[in-house]
Amino acid sequence: MQVTNQVYRHAIQAGATHINKPKIRHYVHCYALHCLDEQVSNALRKAYKDRGENVGTWRQACYEPLVKLASDHHYDIDAIFNDHPSLSIWYVPTKLRKLCHAQRNNVVSASNSASF
C-alpha cells in the first residue's frame, strides 16, 4: 500500500512532527475501524490487551469488523473510505479489499446455490 503525500501534508497540518511511513501503513485498517466504529475498536483493543496478546494479533483482528461494516455497503470498502473525511486520504489496504471481495463472492455463491 502506498501512503500519499497528501497524508503527510494533512498530518503536518494536524501537528504531527514525524510519521513512521513503513509502520503506519500496517495499521491503516485499524485506524479505519477506529474512525468508523470507535466503540468496537476500543473494545477489541482492550480485549486483546487484557489477554496479553501482542499487537500483531490485535492488528489482524481489526480486519473482521471492517469486513462486517463493509457488508452493510455491499462490500464496497473503497466507497466507505472515500466517503469518510478522515479515511479518504488513505489507500484501502490490499488485504482488506481482498477480504471484502472474497466475502462478497462467498455471499453471492451461497445465494446462487440456494436458488437452485
Foldseek 3Di string as FASTA:
>chain_A
DDQDVVVVVVCVVVPDDDDPVVPVVLQLLLVLCCQVPVVVSVVLVVVCVVVVHDPVVSSVVSLVVLLVVCVVVLLPSLVVQCVRPVRNSDDDDPVSSVVSVVVSVVVVVVVVVVVD
